[in-house]
């Protein structure tokens, strides 16, 4: 356990959150020059949303499995599943940032009334939940990294973990719905 990091969990959480959100907003708003990244064939770029939807479904499964494991007291399985969730999320994020940097956000192709009164409000809630999930996930992971398993129940890890898992599950579920609206329905 890293004792120096243990006393800096809130600061490290903030730093990681700021860096992550800066990358996401930088990509979405076009502040990251596409020339910094290697080009990819259109088929690869076109496949990324579909791959990310599959990754999102896998993350939902690993989070649910991790929650179930800890409820049964299986700490090792919980750790494996939650680290898998984070690894899949990191892969999702890299692919998302790559595609968004090169192509920009996908336009909604459905009816404007649906876009105005359903899609955009739904997307806004999804984005807000994703933003809220980021520091919660970092915080829980940093607590797990800096404390021995025997001490975690006396930290904020159990309570913050429930919040992080809930935010993550809802955000990923809504992300799949956004994917469906952009690529399957319209």
N, C-alpha and C. Protein backbone atom coordinates (compact mmCIF):
# COMPACT_ATOMS: atom_id res chain seq x y z
N UNK A 1 0.84 -1.18 0.00
CA UNK A 1 0.00 0.00 0.00
C UNK A 1 0.89 1.25 0.00
N UNK A 2 0.49 2.22 -0.74
CA UNK A 2 1.23 3.46 -0.87
C UNK A 2 0.70 4.46 0.15
N UNK A 3 1.46 4.64 1.24
CA UNK A 3 1.00 5.54 2.30
C UNK A 3 0.97 6.99 1.85
N UNK A 4 1.90 7.40 0.99
CA UNK A 4 1.89 8.78 0.49
C UNK A 4 0.60 9.04 -0.29
N UNK A 5 0.22 8.10 -1.14
CA UNK A 5 -1.00 8.27 -1.94
C UNK A 5 -2.24 8.20 -1.06
N UNK A 6 -2.19 7.40 0.02
CA UNK A 6 -3.36 7.25 0.89
C UNK A 6 -3.83 8.61 1.42
N UNK A 7 -2.89 9.45 1.77
CA UNK A 7 -3.25 10.75 2.33
C UNK A 7 -3.56 11.78 1.25
N UNK A 8 -3.40 11.39 0.01
CA UNK A 8 -3.66 12.30 -1.11
C UNK A 8 -4.80 11.80 -2.01
N UNK A 9 -5.60 10.87 -1.53
CA UNK A 9 -6.68 10.31 -2.36
C UNK A 9 -7.59 11.40 -2.92
N UNK A 10 -8.08 12.35 -2.11
CA UNK A 10 -8.94 13.39 -2.70
C UNK A 10 -8.21 14.22 -3.77
N UNK A 11 -6.97 14.60 -3.50
CA UNK A 11 -6.22 15.41 -4.47
C UNK A 11 -5.95 14.61 -5.75
N UNK A 12 -5.57 13.35 -5.60
CA UNK A 12 -5.33 12.51 -6.77
C UNK A 12 -6.62 12.29 -7.56
N UNK A 13 -7.72 12.13 -6.85
CA UNK A 13 -9.02 11.99 -7.51
C UNK A 13 -9.31 13.23 -8.34
N UNK A 14 -9.09 14.39 -7.75
CA UNK A 14 -9.33 15.64 -8.47
C UNK A 14 -8.43 15.79 -9.68
N UNK A 15 -7.17 15.46 -9.52
CA UNK A 15 -6.21 15.57 -10.63
C UNK A 15 -6.60 14.64 -11.78
N UNK A 16 -6.86 13.39 -11.47
CA UNK A 16 -7.25 12.43 -12.51
C UNK A 16 -8.56 12.83 -13.19
N UNK A 17 -9.47 13.37 -12.41
CA UNK A 17 -10.75 13.81 -12.97
C UNK A 17 -10.55 14.98 -13.93
N UNK A 18 -9.76 15.96 -13.52
CA UNK A 18 -9.51 17.13 -14.37
C UNK A 18 -8.82 16.72 -15.67
N UNK A 19 -7.82 15.85 -15.58
CA UNK A 19 -7.12 15.39 -16.78
C UNK A 19 -8.08 14.63 -17.70
N UNK A 20 -8.87 13.74 -17.13
CA UNK A 20 -9.82 12.95 -17.94
C UNK A 20 -10.84 13.85 -18.62
N UNK A 21 -11.43 14.76 -17.86
CA UNK A 21 -12.44 15.64 -18.45
C UNK A 21 -11.83 16.61 -19.47
N UNK A 22 -10.60 17.05 -19.23
CA UNK A 22 -9.93 17.92 -20.20
C UNK A 22 -9.73 17.18 -21.53
N UNK A 23 -9.35 15.91 -21.45
CA UNK A 23 -9.19 15.13 -22.68
C UNK A 23 -10.52 14.96 -23.41
N UNK A 24 -11.57 14.63 -22.67
CA UNK A 24 -12.88 14.42 -23.29
C UNK A 24 -13.39 15.71 -23.91
N UNK A 25 -13.42 16.79 -23.13
CA UNK A 25 -13.93 18.06 -23.66
C UNK A 25 -13.02 18.60 -24.76
N UNK A 26 -11.71 18.38 -24.63
CA UNK A 26 -10.80 18.80 -25.69
C UNK A 26 -11.09 18.09 -26.99
N UNK A 27 -11.38 16.80 -26.92
CA UNK A 27 -11.71 16.03 -28.13
C UNK A 27 -13.06 16.46 -28.70
N UNK A 28 -14.07 16.55 -27.84
CA UNK A 28 -15.42 16.88 -28.30
C UNK A 28 -15.47 18.29 -28.89
N UNK A 29 -14.77 19.22 -28.28
CA UNK A 29 -14.81 20.61 -28.75
C UNK A 29 -13.79 20.92 -29.84
N UNK A 30 -13.04 19.90 -30.27
CA UNK A 30 -12.09 20.08 -31.36
C UNK A 30 -10.80 20.77 -30.97
N UNK A 31 -10.48 20.80 -29.68
CA UNK A 31 -9.25 21.47 -29.23
C UNK A 31 -8.02 20.60 -29.43
N UNK A 32 -8.21 19.31 -29.63
CA UNK A 32 -7.08 18.41 -29.88
C UNK A 32 -6.92 18.29 -31.40
N UNK A 33 -5.79 18.72 -31.93
CA UNK A 33 -5.61 18.65 -33.39
C UNK A 33 -5.59 17.20 -33.88
N UNK A 34 -6.42 16.88 -34.87
CA UNK A 34 -6.44 15.51 -35.42
C UNK A 34 -5.07 15.08 -35.96
N UNK A 35 -4.25 16.04 -36.34
CA UNK A 35 -2.93 15.70 -36.88
C UNK A 35 -2.02 15.05 -35.84
N UNK A 36 -2.38 15.15 -34.56
CA UNK A 36 -1.58 14.51 -33.51
C UNK A 36 -1.77 12.99 -33.48
N UNK A 37 -2.84 12.52 -34.12
CA UNK A 37 -3.15 11.09 -34.08
C UNK A 37 -2.92 10.44 -35.43
N UNK A 38 -2.56 9.16 -35.43
CA UNK A 38 -2.43 8.47 -36.71
C UNK A 38 -3.80 8.29 -37.36
N UNK A 39 -3.81 8.36 -38.66
CA UNK A 39 -5.06 8.18 -39.41
C UNK A 39 -5.47 6.72 -39.38
N UNK A 40 -6.76 6.49 -39.56
CA UNK A 40 -7.29 5.13 -39.61
C UNK A 40 -8.23 5.05 -40.80
N UNK A 41 -8.36 3.85 -41.37
CA UNK A 41 -9.32 3.69 -42.47
C UNK A 41 -10.75 3.98 -41.98
N UNK A 42 -11.58 4.40 -42.90
CA UNK A 42 -12.97 4.73 -42.57
C UNK A 42 -13.69 3.53 -41.93
N UNK A 43 -13.34 2.33 -42.36
CA UNK A 43 -14.00 1.15 -41.78
C UNK A 43 -13.67 0.99 -40.30
N UNK A 44 -12.46 1.33 -39.93
CA UNK A 44 -12.06 1.26 -38.51
C UNK A 44 -12.81 2.32 -37.72
N UNK A 45 -12.81 3.54 -38.22
CA UNK A 45 -13.51 4.62 -37.53
C UNK A 45 -15.01 4.33 -37.44
N UNK A 46 -15.56 3.76 -38.49
CA UNK A 46 -16.98 3.42 -38.51
C UNK A 46 -17.33 2.29 -37.55
N UNK A 47 -16.37 1.44 -37.26
CA UNK A 47 -16.62 0.31 -36.36
C UNK A 47 -16.55 0.71 -34.89
N UNK A 48 -15.88 1.80 -34.58
CA UNK A 48 -15.65 2.17 -33.17
C UNK A 48 -16.96 2.33 -32.39
N UNK A 49 -17.98 3.02 -32.89
CA UNK A 49 -19.21 3.11 -32.09
C UNK A 49 -19.83 1.75 -31.76
N UNK A 50 -19.76 0.82 -32.70
CA UNK A 50 -20.32 -0.51 -32.48
C UNK A 50 -19.49 -1.29 -31.46
N UNK A 51 -18.18 -1.16 -31.57
CA UNK A 51 -17.28 -1.80 -30.60
C UNK A 51 -17.51 -1.19 -29.21
N UNK A 52 -17.65 0.11 -29.16
CA UNK A 52 -17.87 0.76 -27.87
C UNK A 52 -19.22 0.39 -27.25
N UNK A 53 -20.22 0.15 -28.07
CA UNK A 53 -21.51 -0.31 -27.53
C UNK A 53 -21.34 -1.70 -26.92
N UNK A 54 -20.57 -2.56 -27.58
CA UNK A 54 -20.31 -3.90 -27.04
C UNK A 54 -19.50 -3.80 -25.75
N UNK A 55 -18.50 -2.93 -25.74
CA UNK A 55 -17.71 -2.72 -24.52
C UNK A 55 -18.61 -2.23 -23.39
N UNK A 56 -19.51 -1.31 -23.69
CA UNK A 56 -20.44 -0.80 -22.68
C UNK A 56 -21.27 -1.92 -22.08
N UNK A 57 -21.76 -2.81 -22.92
CA UNK A 57 -22.54 -3.95 -22.43
C UNK A 57 -21.68 -4.85 -21.54
N UNK A 58 -20.44 -5.07 -21.94
CA UNK A 58 -19.52 -5.87 -21.11
C UNK A 58 -19.27 -5.19 -19.77
N UNK A 59 -19.10 -3.88 -19.79
CA UNK A 59 -18.86 -3.15 -18.54
C UNK A 59 -20.06 -3.29 -17.61
N UNK A 60 -21.24 -3.17 -18.16
CA UNK A 60 -22.45 -3.36 -17.34
C UNK A 60 -22.40 -4.73 -16.68
N UNK A 61 -22.04 -5.75 -17.44
CA UNK A 61 -21.95 -7.10 -16.89
C UNK A 61 -20.88 -7.24 -15.81
N UNK A 62 -19.73 -6.63 -16.02
CA UNK A 62 -18.66 -6.76 -15.02
C UNK A 62 -18.98 -5.96 -13.76
N UNK A 63 -19.64 -4.83 -13.90
CA UNK A 63 -20.03 -4.06 -12.71
C UNK A 63 -21.06 -4.84 -11.90
N UNK A 64 -22.09 -5.35 -12.58
CA UNK A 64 -23.12 -6.13 -11.87
C UNK A 64 -22.49 -7.35 -11.21
N UNK A 65 -21.60 -8.01 -11.93
CA UNK A 65 -20.90 -9.16 -11.35
C UNK A 65 -20.05 -8.78 -10.16
N UNK A 66 -19.39 -7.64 -10.23
CA UNK A 66 -18.56 -7.17 -9.11
C UNK A 66 -19.39 -6.84 -7.89
N UNK A 67 -20.54 -6.22 -8.10
CA UNK A 67 -21.44 -5.89 -6.99
C UNK A 67 -21.95 -7.19 -6.35
N UNK A 68 -22.34 -8.13 -7.18
CA UNK A 68 -22.84 -9.41 -6.65
C UNK A 68 -21.74 -10.14 -5.88
N UNK A 69 -20.51 -10.07 -6.39
CA UNK A 69 -19.40 -10.77 -5.73
C UNK A 69 -19.14 -10.20 -4.34
N UNK A 70 -19.14 -8.88 -4.22
CA UNK A 70 -18.85 -8.29 -2.91
C UNK A 70 -19.99 -8.55 -1.93
N UNK A 71 -21.21 -8.60 -2.44
CA UNK A 71 -22.34 -8.92 -1.56
C UNK A 71 -22.23 -10.34 -1.01
N UNK A 72 -21.58 -11.23 -1.77
CA UNK A 72 -21.36 -12.61 -1.31
C UNK A 72 -20.07 -12.72 -0.50
N UNK A 73 -19.33 -11.62 -0.39
CA UNK A 73 -18.09 -11.64 0.37
C UNK A 73 -16.89 -12.12 -0.42
N UNK A 74 -17.02 -12.25 -1.71
CA UNK A 74 -15.92 -12.72 -2.57
C UNK A 74 -15.10 -11.51 -3.03
N UNK A 75 -14.17 -11.09 -2.17
CA UNK A 75 -13.38 -9.88 -2.42
C UNK A 75 -12.49 -10.04 -3.66
N UNK A 76 -11.88 -11.20 -3.82
CA UNK A 76 -10.98 -11.40 -4.96
C UNK A 76 -11.73 -11.28 -6.29
N UNK A 77 -12.90 -11.88 -6.37
CA UNK A 77 -13.70 -11.79 -7.60
C UNK A 77 -14.18 -10.36 -7.81
N UNK A 78 -14.59 -9.71 -6.74
CA UNK A 78 -15.02 -8.30 -6.82
C UNK A 78 -13.89 -7.45 -7.39
N UNK A 79 -12.70 -7.62 -6.85
CA UNK A 79 -11.54 -6.84 -7.32
C UNK A 79 -11.29 -7.10 -8.80
N UNK A 80 -11.29 -8.37 -9.19
CA UNK A 80 -11.04 -8.72 -10.59
C UNK A 80 -12.08 -8.10 -11.51
N UNK A 81 -13.34 -8.20 -11.13
CA UNK A 81 -14.41 -7.67 -11.98
C UNK A 81 -14.41 -6.15 -12.04
N UNK A 82 -14.13 -5.50 -10.93
CA UNK A 82 -14.13 -4.03 -10.94
C UNK A 82 -12.91 -3.49 -11.69
N UNK A 83 -11.77 -4.15 -11.55
CA UNK A 83 -10.61 -3.74 -12.35
C UNK A 83 -10.85 -4.02 -13.83
N UNK A 84 -11.54 -5.09 -14.13
CA UNK A 84 -11.92 -5.37 -15.53
C UNK A 84 -12.85 -4.27 -16.04
N UNK A 85 -13.79 -3.85 -15.20
CA UNK A 85 -14.69 -2.75 -15.58
C UNK A 85 -13.89 -1.51 -15.92
N UNK A 86 -12.93 -1.19 -15.08
CA UNK A 86 -12.13 0.01 -15.31
C UNK A 86 -11.27 -0.15 -16.57
N UNK A 87 -10.69 -1.31 -16.76
CA UNK A 87 -9.89 -1.54 -17.97
C UNK A 87 -10.73 -1.43 -19.24
N UNK A 88 -11.93 -1.99 -19.21
CA UNK A 88 -12.83 -1.87 -20.36
C UNK A 88 -13.25 -0.42 -20.57
N UNK A 89 -13.52 0.28 -19.48
CA UNK A 89 -13.86 1.70 -19.58
C UNK A 89 -12.70 2.47 -20.21
N UNK A 90 -11.47 2.19 -19.79
CA UNK A 90 -10.31 2.88 -20.36
C UNK A 90 -10.21 2.61 -21.87
N UNK A 91 -10.43 1.35 -22.28
CA UNK A 91 -10.43 1.02 -23.70
C UNK A 91 -11.53 1.79 -24.43
N UNK A 92 -12.73 1.80 -23.86
CA UNK A 92 -13.85 2.56 -24.42
C UNK A 92 -13.43 4.02 -24.61
N UNK A 93 -12.85 4.60 -23.58
CA UNK A 93 -12.50 6.01 -23.61
C UNK A 93 -11.44 6.32 -24.67
N UNK A 94 -10.44 5.47 -24.78
CA UNK A 94 -9.40 5.67 -25.79
C UNK A 94 -10.01 5.62 -27.19
N UNK A 95 -10.86 4.62 -27.43
CA UNK A 95 -11.50 4.51 -28.75
C UNK A 95 -12.42 5.71 -29.02
N UNK A 96 -13.19 6.09 -28.02
CA UNK A 96 -14.10 7.23 -28.16
C UNK A 96 -13.32 8.50 -28.47
N UNK A 97 -12.28 8.78 -27.69
CA UNK A 97 -11.49 9.99 -27.89
C UNK A 97 -10.81 10.00 -29.25
N UNK A 98 -10.31 8.84 -29.67
CA UNK A 98 -9.66 8.72 -30.98
C UNK A 98 -10.65 9.10 -32.09
N UNK A 99 -11.81 8.49 -32.07
CA UNK A 99 -12.80 8.72 -33.12
C UNK A 99 -13.32 10.16 -33.08
N UNK A 100 -13.63 10.65 -31.90
CA UNK A 100 -14.16 12.01 -31.78
C UNK A 100 -13.12 13.04 -32.23
N UNK A 101 -11.87 12.82 -31.89
CA UNK A 101 -10.82 13.75 -32.31
C UNK A 101 -10.70 13.80 -33.82
N UNK A 102 -10.80 12.63 -34.46
CA UNK A 102 -10.64 12.59 -35.92
C UNK A 102 -11.90 12.99 -36.68
N UNK A 103 -13.09 12.66 -36.14
CA UNK A 103 -14.32 12.89 -36.90
C UNK A 103 -15.30 13.87 -36.27
N UNK A 104 -15.13 14.17 -34.99
CA UNK A 104 -16.10 15.01 -34.30
C UNK A 104 -17.31 14.20 -33.87
N UNK A 105 -18.20 14.82 -33.12
CA UNK A 105 -19.39 14.12 -32.65
C UNK A 105 -20.32 13.73 -33.80
N UNK A 106 -21.09 12.68 -33.60
CA UNK A 106 -22.06 12.22 -34.60
C UNK A 106 -23.33 13.04 -34.49
N UNK A 107 -23.81 13.50 -35.62
CA UNK A 107 -25.06 14.27 -35.65
C UNK A 107 -26.25 13.33 -35.52
N UNK A 108 -27.29 13.80 -34.87
CA UNK A 108 -28.53 13.04 -34.74
C UNK A 108 -29.28 13.14 -36.06
N UNK A 109 -29.66 12.01 -36.63
CA UNK A 109 -30.29 11.98 -37.95
C UNK A 109 -31.81 11.82 -37.89
N UNK A 110 -32.35 11.74 -36.70
CA UNK A 110 -33.79 11.56 -36.56
C UNK A 110 -34.55 12.86 -36.72
N UNK A 111 -35.86 12.80 -36.51
CA UNK A 111 -36.70 14.00 -36.62
C UNK A 111 -36.28 15.07 -35.62
N UNK A 112 -36.37 16.33 -36.04
CA UNK A 112 -35.92 17.42 -35.18
C UNK A 112 -36.73 17.51 -33.89
N UNK A 113 -37.99 17.17 -33.92
CA UNK A 113 -38.81 17.20 -32.71
C UNK A 113 -38.31 16.16 -31.70
N UNK A 114 -37.90 15.00 -32.18
CA UNK A 114 -37.34 13.96 -31.31
C UNK A 114 -35.99 14.41 -30.77
N UNK A 115 -35.21 15.04 -31.63
CA UNK A 115 -33.90 15.53 -31.20
C UNK A 115 -34.05 16.58 -30.10
N UNK A 116 -34.94 17.52 -30.30
CA UNK A 116 -35.11 18.63 -29.36
C UNK A 116 -35.71 18.19 -28.03
N UNK A 117 -36.74 17.37 -28.08
CA UNK A 117 -37.49 17.07 -26.86
C UNK A 117 -37.15 15.73 -26.21
N UNK A 118 -36.39 14.90 -26.90
CA UNK A 118 -36.01 13.63 -26.27
C UNK A 118 -34.50 13.39 -26.31
N UNK A 119 -33.94 13.36 -27.52
CA UNK A 119 -32.53 12.99 -27.66
C UNK A 119 -31.60 13.92 -26.89
N UNK A 120 -31.70 15.22 -27.12
CA UNK A 120 -30.77 16.15 -26.46
C UNK A 120 -30.92 16.16 -24.93
N UNK A 121 -32.14 16.17 -24.37
CA UNK A 121 -32.24 16.06 -22.91
C UNK A 121 -31.69 14.73 -22.38
N UNK A 122 -31.97 13.64 -23.10
CA UNK A 122 -31.46 12.33 -22.71
C UNK A 122 -29.93 12.33 -22.74
N UNK A 123 -29.37 12.86 -23.82
CA UNK A 123 -27.91 12.95 -23.96
C UNK A 123 -27.31 13.81 -22.85
N UNK A 124 -27.97 14.90 -22.50
CA UNK A 124 -27.46 15.78 -21.43
C UNK A 124 -27.41 15.04 -20.10
N UNK A 125 -28.44 14.28 -19.78
CA UNK A 125 -28.44 13.50 -18.53
C UNK A 125 -27.33 12.45 -18.57
N UNK A 126 -27.18 11.78 -19.70
CA UNK A 126 -26.11 10.78 -19.86
C UNK A 126 -24.74 11.42 -19.62
N UNK A 127 -24.52 12.58 -20.21
CA UNK A 127 -23.23 13.27 -20.07
C UNK A 127 -23.00 13.69 -18.62
N UNK A 128 -24.02 14.24 -17.98
CA UNK A 128 -23.88 14.66 -16.58
C UNK A 128 -23.59 13.47 -15.67
N UNK A 129 -24.25 12.35 -15.90
CA UNK A 129 -23.98 11.16 -15.09
C UNK A 129 -22.57 10.63 -15.34
N UNK A 130 -22.13 10.66 -16.59
CA UNK A 130 -20.78 10.21 -16.91
C UNK A 130 -19.74 11.11 -16.23
N UNK A 131 -20.00 12.41 -16.24
CA UNK A 131 -19.08 13.36 -15.58
C UNK A 131 -19.05 13.09 -14.07
N UNK A 132 -20.21 12.85 -13.48
CA UNK A 132 -20.28 12.58 -12.04
C UNK A 132 -19.63 11.24 -11.69
N UNK A 133 -19.71 10.28 -12.59
CA UNK A 133 -19.15 8.95 -12.32
C UNK A 133 -17.62 8.97 -12.28
N UNK A 134 -17.01 9.82 -13.07
CA UNK A 134 -15.54 9.81 -13.19
C UNK A 134 -14.85 10.00 -11.84
N UNK A 135 -15.13 11.07 -11.09
CA UNK A 135 -14.44 11.20 -9.80
C UNK A 135 -14.83 10.11 -8.81
N UNK A 136 -16.07 9.65 -8.87
CA UNK A 136 -16.49 8.58 -7.95
C UNK A 136 -15.70 7.31 -8.21
N UNK A 137 -15.52 6.96 -9.47
CA UNK A 137 -14.76 5.75 -9.82
C UNK A 137 -13.29 5.90 -9.42
N UNK A 138 -12.70 7.04 -9.74
CA UNK A 138 -11.30 7.25 -9.35
C UNK A 138 -11.13 7.17 -7.83
N UNK A 139 -12.03 7.80 -7.11
CA UNK A 139 -11.95 7.82 -5.65
C UNK A 139 -12.00 6.40 -5.08
N UNK A 140 -12.95 5.61 -5.55
CA UNK A 140 -13.09 4.23 -5.05
C UNK A 140 -11.86 3.40 -5.40
N UNK A 141 -11.37 3.54 -6.62
CA UNK A 141 -10.18 2.78 -7.01
C UNK A 141 -8.95 3.19 -6.21
N UNK A 142 -8.80 4.48 -5.98
CA UNK A 142 -7.65 4.95 -5.20
C UNK A 142 -7.73 4.48 -3.75
N UNK A 143 -8.92 4.46 -3.18
CA UNK A 143 -9.07 3.91 -1.82
C UNK A 143 -8.68 2.44 -1.82
N UNK A 144 -9.15 1.70 -2.81
CA UNK A 144 -8.83 0.26 -2.88
C UNK A 144 -7.34 0.03 -3.07
N UNK A 145 -6.69 0.93 -3.79
CA UNK A 145 -5.25 0.79 -4.03
C UNK A 145 -4.42 1.15 -2.79
N UNK A 146 -4.89 2.11 -2.02
CA UNK A 146 -4.06 2.64 -0.93
C UNK A 146 -4.35 2.04 0.44
N UNK A 147 -5.37 1.21 0.55
CA UNK A 147 -5.69 0.58 1.83
C UNK A 147 -5.67 -0.93 1.68
N UNK A 148 -5.25 -1.64 2.71
CA UNK A 148 -5.37 -3.10 2.67
C UNK A 148 -6.85 -3.48 2.71
N UNK A 149 -7.17 -4.63 2.15
CA UNK A 149 -8.56 -5.10 2.08
C UNK A 149 -9.21 -5.09 3.46
N UNK A 150 -8.46 -5.46 4.47
CA UNK A 150 -9.02 -5.53 5.82
C UNK A 150 -9.47 -4.17 6.35
N UNK A 151 -8.89 -3.08 5.85
CA UNK A 151 -9.26 -1.74 6.32
C UNK A 151 -10.31 -1.06 5.45
N UNK A 152 -10.56 -1.57 4.25
CA UNK A 152 -11.49 -0.90 3.34
C UNK A 152 -12.90 -0.71 3.91
N UNK A 153 -13.44 -1.68 4.67
CA UNK A 153 -14.79 -1.45 5.21
C UNK A 153 -14.88 -0.24 6.14
N UNK A 154 -13.77 0.18 6.74
CA UNK A 154 -13.81 1.34 7.63
C UNK A 154 -13.52 2.66 6.89
N UNK A 155 -13.37 2.59 5.58
CA UNK A 155 -13.17 3.79 4.77
C UNK A 155 -14.49 4.13 4.06
N UNK A 156 -14.45 5.12 3.20
CA UNK A 156 -15.61 5.48 2.38
C UNK A 156 -15.80 4.55 1.19
N UNK A 157 -14.92 3.56 1.04
CA UNK A 157 -14.97 2.68 -0.13
C UNK A 157 -16.34 2.01 -0.31
N UNK A 158 -16.94 1.39 0.71
CA UNK A 158 -18.23 0.73 0.48
C UNK A 158 -19.33 1.71 0.04
N UNK A 159 -19.44 2.83 0.71
CA UNK A 159 -20.50 3.80 0.39
C UNK A 159 -20.23 4.46 -0.97
N UNK A 160 -19.00 4.90 -1.18
CA UNK A 160 -18.66 5.54 -2.45
C UNK A 160 -18.72 4.53 -3.60
N UNK A 161 -18.40 3.28 -3.30
CA UNK A 161 -18.47 2.23 -4.32
C UNK A 161 -19.89 2.02 -4.82
N UNK A 162 -20.85 2.07 -3.91
CA UNK A 162 -22.26 1.95 -4.32
C UNK A 162 -22.65 3.10 -5.24
N UNK A 163 -22.24 4.30 -4.87
CA UNK A 163 -22.54 5.46 -5.70
C UNK A 163 -21.86 5.34 -7.07
N UNK A 164 -20.58 5.00 -7.06
CA UNK A 164 -19.84 4.89 -8.32
C UNK A 164 -20.44 3.82 -9.22
N UNK A 165 -20.76 2.67 -8.65
CA UNK A 165 -21.34 1.59 -9.45
C UNK A 165 -22.69 2.01 -10.02
N UNK A 166 -23.51 2.67 -9.21
CA UNK A 166 -24.81 3.11 -9.70
C UNK A 166 -24.70 4.13 -10.82
N UNK A 167 -23.85 5.13 -10.62
CA UNK A 167 -23.65 6.13 -11.67
C UNK A 167 -23.11 5.51 -12.95
N UNK A 168 -22.15 4.62 -12.78
CA UNK A 168 -21.53 3.94 -13.92
C UNK A 168 -22.55 3.11 -14.68
N UNK A 169 -23.35 2.33 -13.95
CA UNK A 169 -24.35 1.48 -14.60
C UNK A 169 -25.37 2.30 -15.38
N UNK A 170 -25.87 3.35 -14.76
CA UNK A 170 -26.87 4.18 -15.45
C UNK A 170 -26.24 4.87 -16.66
N UNK A 171 -25.03 5.40 -16.48
CA UNK A 171 -24.37 6.10 -17.58
C UNK A 171 -24.09 5.17 -18.75
N UNK A 172 -23.57 3.98 -18.49
CA UNK A 172 -23.30 3.04 -19.58
C UNK A 172 -24.59 2.57 -20.24
N UNK A 173 -25.64 2.36 -19.45
CA UNK A 173 -26.93 1.96 -20.02
C UNK A 173 -27.48 3.06 -20.92
N UNK A 174 -27.40 4.29 -20.45
CA UNK A 174 -27.86 5.41 -21.27
C UNK A 174 -26.99 5.58 -22.51
N UNK A 175 -25.70 5.30 -22.37
CA UNK A 175 -24.80 5.37 -23.52
C UNK A 175 -25.20 4.39 -24.60
N UNK A 176 -25.63 3.21 -24.21
CA UNK A 176 -26.10 2.23 -25.20
C UNK A 176 -27.38 2.73 -25.86
N UNK A 177 -28.25 3.38 -25.10
CA UNK A 177 -29.47 3.95 -25.68
C UNK A 177 -29.12 5.08 -26.67
N UNK A 178 -28.13 5.92 -26.33
CA UNK A 178 -27.68 6.97 -27.25
C UNK A 178 -27.14 6.33 -28.53
N UNK A 179 -26.33 5.30 -28.38
CA UNK A 179 -25.80 4.56 -29.53
C UNK A 179 -26.95 4.07 -30.41
N UNK A 180 -27.97 3.47 -29.79
CA UNK A 180 -29.10 2.93 -30.55
C UNK A 180 -29.80 4.05 -31.32
N UNK A 181 -29.98 5.21 -30.69
CA UNK A 181 -30.64 6.32 -31.37
C UNK A 181 -29.81 6.84 -32.53
N UNK A 182 -28.49 6.84 -32.38
CA UNK A 182 -27.63 7.38 -33.43
C UNK A 182 -27.38 6.39 -34.58
N UNK A 183 -27.30 5.10 -34.26
CA UNK A 183 -26.82 4.14 -35.25
C UNK A 183 -27.83 3.04 -35.62
N UNK A 184 -28.83 2.82 -34.81
CA UNK A 184 -29.76 1.73 -35.10
C UNK A 184 -31.16 2.22 -35.45
N UNK A 185 -31.63 3.24 -34.76
CA UNK A 185 -33.00 3.70 -34.98
C UNK A 185 -33.06 4.70 -36.14
N UNK A 186 -32.13 5.69 -36.14
CA UNK A 186 -32.15 6.69 -37.21
C UNK A 186 -30.89 6.68 -37.99
